[in-house]
């Protein structure tokens, strides 16, 4: 009988403890009781046990979580900012290279046009010299020499050279040696020297 009574008391004590724990947990859930703070105060009063700092802020864990989250976001933001700066630097380098390429293309185009222009000038000059050479060929030699003696000596060289090319193209002996023989010896010698050197009066525009 006494054993049965003791068992009943033990059961009621355990039930009471469970009810008390449930009530305390419910109060903590409702915010009426702060279990972590109460527990830390109790433990801190026990000699030889250090539980750490007292938790006075019920939102301390949330604040620590958001602080860590903020640090993480700031780190990611800094990385994105650095990546953006690197992309911007690469874009500027690409723009500079593109500008340099455009300037080079413009310079090459200008040089190409300049070459074509000079070639056109040279072709026009040769055509004009050829026409003059034909005119001198159709003149009496003495009259042709009289005019040639009063012309710029380098242009005369070009005309005589064009005469040689004309007679060569038709397969006849050139009239040039005869015309040169009718000129003053000093001028004739100078003409022969310039012809050998390849001198010309043609000077293309820059």
Foldseek 3Di string as FASTA:
>chain_A
DVVVVVVVVVVVVVVVVVVVVVVQVVCVVVVNDVVQQVVQVVQVPDPPDHPDDHDPDPCVVVVVVVVVVVVVVVVVVVVVVVVVVVVVVVVVVVVVVVVVVVVVVVVVVVVVVVVVQQVVVVVVVLVVLLVVLVVLVPDDLVVSLVVCVPDDLQSSLSNQVSQVVVCVVVVHDGPSVVSLVPHDPVSSVVSVVCNVVVGHPDDDDD
